[in-house]
Amino acid sequence: EIPTPNSAEYLIKAFSKPVNGVSPMGAPVVVDYASVRGIIRFEELSSFKTIAGRNGSDLGSRMLEFYDCKDRITTGSRMSGDTIAASPFASAFTTTQPRSLSKILSRADEESGFLNRWLFVGGKRKPQTFLGGLEPDMSDADKELFKIHVWANDERTVAFTKEAAWKGN
């Protein structure tokens, strides 16, 4: 769990897991990066929007890279060097009141694709209000989620060649 990342650099670092090895000269080196799975938690959706809306912040666009399952997400600076998150899998979790959505979210969030990367889950049933006054059509989403469910339940095996099995001994 990554609680309220205040910058994209911090977020990427939380999903970075260097795999160390040894160079031919015997020095320790990073040989690869392991995939990290995590949940990013913002106490309130408004706090995420405030952080992402700060001047110079690229947290919002970097979150989209995580949502889109980019192979590598990188950041770097002269002080901390390069940070690489390889094949990260991230989900974000936050809360808000339904009536506050229209104040927090903007047309830019819809146009950038930010909104269609979130699921809005309610608690106790209340009168529904939708952005723009129209109820969203979820029929295509149902079909796509069903395809993911079928794919995830498919049995997979990993087989080794004789040579690979021999090298493991």
C-alpha atoms as a PDB file:
ATOM      1  CA  GLU A   1       0.000   0.000   0.000  1.00  0.00           C
ATOM      2  CA  ILE A   2       1.305   3.426  -0.977  1.00  0.00           C
ATOM      3  CA  PRO A   3      -0.438   6.080   1.132  1.00  0.00           C
ATOM      4  CA  THR A   4      -0.983   9.470  -0.569  1.00  0.00           C
ATOM      5  CA  PRO A   5       2.049   9.903  -2.813  1.00  0.00           C
ATOM      6  CA  ASN A   6       2.829  13.623  -3.002  1.00  0.00           C
ATOM      7  CA  SER A   7       4.864  13.375  -6.199  1.00  0.00           C
ATOM      8  CA  ALA A   8       5.268  11.211  -9.271  1.00  0.00           C
ATOM      9  CA  GLU A   9       8.888  10.549  -8.313  1.00  0.00           C
ATOM     10  CA  TYR A  10       7.811   9.130  -4.931  1.00  0.00           C
ATOM     11  CA  LEU A  11       5.143   6.996  -6.621  1.00  0.00           C
ATOM     12  CA  ILE A  12       7.559   5.528  -9.177  1.00  0.00           C
ATOM     13  CA  LYS A  13      10.122   4.838  -6.442  1.00  0.00           C
ATOM     14  CA  ALA A  14       7.464   2.919  -4.470  1.00  0.00           C
ATOM     15  CA  PHE A  15       7.037   0.576  -7.468  1.00  0.00           C
ATOM     16  CA  SER A  16      10.771   0.186  -8.168  1.00  0.00           C
ATOM     17  CA  LYS A  17      12.468  -3.047  -7.044  1.00  0.00           C
ATOM     18  CA  PRO A  18      16.034  -3.430  -8.351  1.00  0.00           C
ATOM     19  CA  VAL A  19      17.322  -6.984  -8.828  1.00  0.00           C
ATOM     20  CA  ASN A  20      20.987  -7.029  -7.867  1.00  0.00           C
ATOM     21  CA  GLY A  21      23.749  -9.115  -9.370  1.00  0.00           C
ATOM     22  CA  VAL A  22      27.522  -9.094  -9.687  1.00  0.00           C
ATOM     23  CA  SER A  23      29.534  -7.692 -12.587  1.00  0.00           C
ATOM     24  CA  PRO A  24      32.356  -9.736 -14.186  1.00  0.00           C
ATOM     25  CA  MET A  25      34.724  -7.638 -12.058  1.00  0.00           C
ATOM     26  CA  GLY A  26      32.894  -8.687  -8.883  1.00  0.00           C
ATOM     27  CA  ALA A  27      31.161  -5.368  -8.208  1.00  0.00           C
ATOM     28  CA  PRO A  28      27.476  -5.299  -7.237  1.00  0.00           C
ATOM     29  CA  VAL A  29      25.240  -4.091 -10.105  1.00  0.00           C
ATOM     30  CA  VAL A  30      21.551  -3.811 -10.865  1.00  0.00           C
ATOM     31  CA  VAL A  31      20.815  -6.479 -13.488  1.00  0.00           C
ATOM     32  CA  ASP A  32      17.067  -5.932 -13.840  1.00  0.00           C
ATOM     33  CA  TYR A  33      13.947  -4.663 -12.075  1.00  0.00           C
ATOM     34  CA  ALA A  34      11.219  -6.840 -10.583  1.00  0.00           C
ATOM     35  CA  SER A  35       7.546  -6.160 -11.141  1.00  0.00           C
ATOM     36  CA  VAL A  36       5.751  -4.650  -8.151  1.00  0.00           C
ATOM     37  CA  ARG A  37       2.018  -4.735  -7.424  1.00  0.00           C
ATOM     38  CA  GLY A  38       0.451  -2.182  -5.135  1.00  0.00           C
ATOM     39  CA  ILE A  39      -2.525  -0.143  -4.078  1.00  0.00           C
ATOM     40  CA  ILE A  40      -2.202   3.632  -4.125  1.00  0.00           C
ATOM     41  CA  ARG A  41      -4.396   5.169  -1.439  1.00  0.00           C
ATOM     42  CA  PHE A  42      -5.625   8.744  -1.389  1.00  0.00           C
ATOM     43  CA  GLU A  43      -7.782   9.651   1.616  1.00  0.00           C
ATOM     44  CA  GLU A  44     -10.036  11.785  -0.599  1.00  0.00           C
ATOM     45  CA  LEU A  45     -10.307  12.204  -4.362  1.00  0.00           C
ATOM     46  CA  SER A  46     -10.066  15.945  -3.779  1.00  0.00           C
ATOM     47  CA  SER A  47      -6.618  15.522  -2.160  1.00  0.00           C
ATOM     48  CA  PHE A  48      -5.376  13.667  -5.260  1.00  0.00           C
ATOM     49  CA  LYS A  49      -6.748  16.413  -7.517  1.00  0.00           C
ATOM     50  CA  THR A  50      -5.074  19.074  -5.347  1.00  0.00           C
ATOM     51  CA  ILE A  51      -1.685  17.338  -5.469  1.00  0.00           C
ATOM     52  CA  ALA A  52      -1.949  16.576  -9.197  1.00  0.00           C
ATOM     53  CA  GLY A  53      -3.061  20.156  -9.903  1.00  0.00           C
ATOM     54  CA  ARG A  54      -0.008  21.783  -8.300  1.00  0.00           C
ATOM     55  CA  ASN A  55       2.170  23.822 -10.608  1.00  0.00           C
ATOM     56  CA  GLY A  56       4.819  21.529 -12.126  1.00  0.00           C
ATOM     57  CA  SER A  57       3.244  18.307 -10.833  1.00  0.00           C
ATOM     58  CA  ASP A  58       3.144  15.388 -13.257  1.00  0.00           C
ATOM     59  CA  LEU A  59       1.470  13.003 -10.802  1.00  0.00           C
ATOM     60  CA  GLY A  60      -1.769  12.891 -12.811  1.00  0.00           C
ATOM     61  CA  SER A  61      -0.098  11.974 -16.109  1.00  0.00           C
ATOM     62  CA  ARG A  62       2.147   9.429 -14.352  1.00  0.00           C
ATOM     63  CA  MET A  63      -0.911   7.800 -12.749  1.00  0.00           C
ATOM     64  CA  LEU A  64      -2.263   7.314 -16.287  1.00  0.00           C
ATOM     65  CA  GLU A  65       0.951   5.451 -17.180  1.00  0.00           C
ATOM     66  CA  PHE A  66       0.352   3.078 -14.261  1.00  0.00           C
ATOM     67  CA  TYR A  67      -3.303   2.585 -15.239  1.00  0.00           C
ATOM     68  CA  ASP A  68      -2.284   1.860 -18.826  1.00  0.00           C
ATOM     69  CA  CYS A  69       0.191  -0.837 -17.654  1.00  0.00           C
ATOM     70  CA  LYS A  70       3.280   0.641 -19.290  1.00  0.00           C
ATOM     71  CA  ASP A  71       6.235  -1.787 -19.387  1.00  0.00           C
ATOM     72  CA  ARG A  72       8.598   0.714 -17.783  1.00  0.00           C
ATOM     73  CA  ILE A  73       7.860   3.949 -15.987  1.00  0.00           C
ATOM     74  CA  THR A  74      10.936   6.012 -15.311  1.00  0.00           C
ATOM     75  CA  THR A  75      11.923   9.215 -13.615  1.00  0.00           C
ATOM     76  CA  GLY A  76      15.261  10.746 -12.838  1.00  0.00           C
ATOM     77  CA  SER A  77      17.022  13.688 -11.344  1.00  0.00           C
ATOM     78  CA  ARG A  78      20.597  14.802 -10.835  1.00  0.00           C
ATOM     79  CA  MET A  79      20.289  14.228  -7.085  1.00  0.00           C
ATOM     80  CA  SER A  80      18.619  10.816  -6.987  1.00  0.00           C
ATOM     81  CA  GLY A  81      19.565   9.400 -10.388  1.00  0.00           C
ATOM     82  CA  ASP A  82      17.251   7.196 -12.424  1.00  0.00           C
ATOM     83  CA  THR A  83      14.332   5.315 -10.881  1.00  0.00           C
ATOM     84  CA  ILE A  84      12.641   2.567 -12.897  1.00  0.00           C
ATOM     85  CA  ALA A  85       9.373   0.776 -12.217  1.00  0.00           C
ATOM     86  CA  ALA A  86       9.288  -2.312 -14.472  1.00  0.00           C
ATOM     87  CA  SER A  87       5.905  -3.842 -15.350  1.00  0.00           C
ATOM     88  CA  PRO A  88       4.202  -2.234 -12.352  1.00  0.00           C
ATOM     89  CA  PHE A  89       0.610  -3.126 -11.534  1.00  0.00           C
ATOM     90  CA  ALA A  90      -1.184  -0.396  -9.639  1.00  0.00           C
ATOM     91  CA  SER A  91      -4.702   0.203  -8.466  1.00  0.00           C
ATOM     92  CA  ALA A  92      -5.764   3.412  -6.791  1.00  0.00           C
ATOM     93  CA  PHE A  93      -8.295   3.718  -4.015  1.00  0.00           C
ATOM     94  CA  THR A  94      -9.970   6.836  -2.716  1.00  0.00           C
ATOM     95  CA  THR A  95     -13.271   8.100  -1.383  1.00  0.00           C
ATOM     96  CA  THR A  96     -15.554  11.028  -2.013  1.00  0.00           C
ATOM     97  CA  GLN A  97     -19.176  12.012  -1.729  1.00  0.00           C
ATOM     98  CA  PRO A  98     -21.209  11.598  -4.936  1.00  0.00           C
ATOM     99  CA  ARG A  99     -22.471  15.182  -4.839  1.00  0.00           C
ATOM    100  CA  SER A 100     -18.911  16.545  -4.692  1.00  0.00           C
ATOM    101  CA  LEU A 101     -17.834  14.859  -7.956  1.00  0.00           C
ATOM    102  CA  SER A 102     -19.060  17.698 -10.142  1.00  0.00           C
ATOM    103  CA  LYS A 103     -16.960  20.159  -8.105  1.00  0.00           C
ATOM    104  CA  ILE A 104     -13.804  17.984  -8.103  1.00  0.00           C
ATOM    105  CA  LEU A 105     -13.808  16.709 -11.680  1.00  0.00           C
ATOM    106  CA  SER A 106     -13.658  18.786 -14.841  1.00  0.00           C
ATOM    107  CA  ARG A 107     -14.222  18.437 -18.568  1.00  0.00           C
ATOM    108  CA  ALA A 108     -10.416  18.049 -18.909  1.00  0.00           C
ATOM    109  CA  ASP A 109     -10.590  14.896 -16.746  1.00  0.00           C
ATOM    110  CA  GLU A 110     -13.104  13.446 -19.171  1.00  0.00           C
ATOM    111  CA  GLU A 111     -11.177  14.481 -22.299  1.00  0.00           C
ATOM    112  CA  SER A 112      -7.809  13.200 -21.009  1.00  0.00           C
ATOM    113  CA  GLY A 113      -9.240   9.726 -20.348  1.00  0.00           C
ATOM    114  CA  PHE A 114      -8.752  10.122 -16.588  1.00  0.00           C
ATOM    115  CA  LEU A 115     -12.403   9.368 -15.772  1.00  0.00           C
ATOM    116  CA  ASN A 116     -12.693   6.145 -17.751  1.00  0.00           C
ATOM    117  CA  ARG A 117      -9.845   4.632 -15.718  1.00  0.00           C
ATOM    118  CA  TRP A 118     -11.792   4.771 -12.439  1.00  0.00           C
ATOM    119  CA  LEU A 119     -14.598   2.628 -11.057  1.00  0.00           C
ATOM    120  CA  PHE A 120     -17.057   4.424  -8.820  1.00  0.00           C
ATOM    121  CA  VAL A 121     -18.499   2.114  -6.181  1.00  0.00           C
ATOM    122  CA  GLY A 122     -21.235   3.250  -3.836  1.00  0.00           C
ATOM    123  CA  GLY A 123     -22.224   2.117  -0.400  1.00  0.00           C
ATOM    124  CA  LYS A 124     -25.791   2.312   0.882  1.00  0.00           C
ATOM    125  CA  ARG A 125     -28.156   3.149  -1.980  1.00  0.00           C
ATOM    126  CA  LYS A 126     -28.904   6.844  -2.350  1.00  0.00           C
ATOM    127  CA  PRO A 127     -30.637   8.801  -5.098  1.00  0.00           C
ATOM    128  CA  GLN A 128     -28.271   8.635  -8.077  1.00  0.00           C
ATOM    129  CA  THR A 129     -26.819  11.743  -9.676  1.00  0.00           C
ATOM    130  CA  PHE A 130     -24.641  11.473 -12.760  1.00  0.00           C
ATOM    131  CA  LEU A 131     -22.222  13.964 -14.254  1.00  0.00           C
ATOM    132  CA  GLY A 132     -24.070  15.701 -17.051  1.00  0.00           C
ATOM    133  CA  GLY A 133     -27.370  14.230 -15.842  1.00  0.00           C
ATOM    134  CA  LEU A 134     -27.160  11.060 -17.980  1.00  0.00           C
ATOM    135  CA  GLU A 135     -26.788   7.530 -16.644  1.00  0.00           C
ATOM    136  CA  PRO A 136     -23.667   5.900 -18.178  1.00  0.00           C
ATOM    137  CA  ASP A 137     -24.131   2.840 -20.400  1.00  0.00           C
ATOM    138  CA  MET A 138     -22.104   0.062 -18.732  1.00  0.00           C
ATOM    139  CA  SER A 139     -23.051  -2.759 -21.165  1.00  0.00           C
ATOM    140  CA  ASP A 140     -19.710  -2.636 -23.058  1.00  0.00           C
ATOM    141  CA  ALA A 141     -17.783  -2.559 -19.777  1.00  0.00           C
ATOM    142  CA  ASP A 142     -19.658  -5.663 -18.590  1.00  0.00           C
ATOM    143  CA  LYS A 143     -18.589  -7.567 -21.722  1.00  0.00           C
ATOM    144  CA  GLU A 144     -14.956  -6.486 -21.415  1.00  0.00           C
ATOM    145  CA  LEU A 145     -14.780  -7.350 -17.702  1.00  0.00           C
ATOM    146  CA  PHE A 146     -16.251 -10.774 -18.483  1.00  0.00           C
ATOM    147  CA  LYS A 147     -13.482 -11.354 -21.085  1.00  0.00           C
ATOM    148  CA  ILE A 148     -10.847 -10.474 -18.460  1.00  0.00           C
ATOM    149  CA  HIS A 149     -12.494 -12.852 -15.971  1.00  0.00           C
ATOM    150  CA  VAL A 150     -12.432 -15.718 -18.516  1.00  0.00           C
ATOM    151  CA  TRP A 151      -8.801 -14.988 -19.434  1.00  0.00           C
ATOM    152  CA  ALA A 152      -7.717 -14.869 -15.758  1.00  0.00           C
ATOM    153  CA  ASN A 153      -9.320 -18.260 -15.023  1.00  0.00           C
ATOM    154  CA  ASP A 154      -7.586 -20.015 -17.917  1.00  0.00           C
ATOM    155  CA  GLU A 155      -5.002 -22.531 -16.644  1.00  0.00           C
ATOM    156  CA  ARG A 156      -1.438 -21.808 -17.687  1.00  0.00           C
ATOM    157  CA  THR A 157       1.703 -23.888 -17.294  1.00  0.00           C
ATOM    158  CA  VAL A 158       5.344 -22.957 -17.463  1.00  0.00           C
ATOM    159  CA  ALA A 159       7.537 -25.640 -18.981  1.00  0.00           C
ATOM    160  CA  PHE A 160      11.318 -25.839 -18.918  1.00  0.00           C
ATOM    161  CA  THR A 161      13.467 -27.222 -21.679  1.00  0.00           C
ATOM    162  CA  LYS A 162      15.824 -30.040 -20.674  1.00  0.00           C
ATOM    163  CA  GLU A 163      18.734 -27.595 -20.898  1.00  0.00           C
ATOM    164  CA  ALA A 164      17.043 -25.054 -18.606  1.00  0.00           C
ATOM    165  CA  ALA A 165      16.136 -27.769 -16.081  1.00  0.00           C
ATOM    166  CA  TRP A 166      19.736 -29.025 -16.126  1.00  0.00           C
ATOM    167  CA  LYS A 167      21.117 -25.492 -15.499  1.00  0.00           C
ATOM    168  CA  GLY A 168      18.825 -25.160 -12.487  1.00  0.00           C
ATOM    169  CA  ASN A 169      20.483 -28.121 -10.734  1.00  0.00           C
END
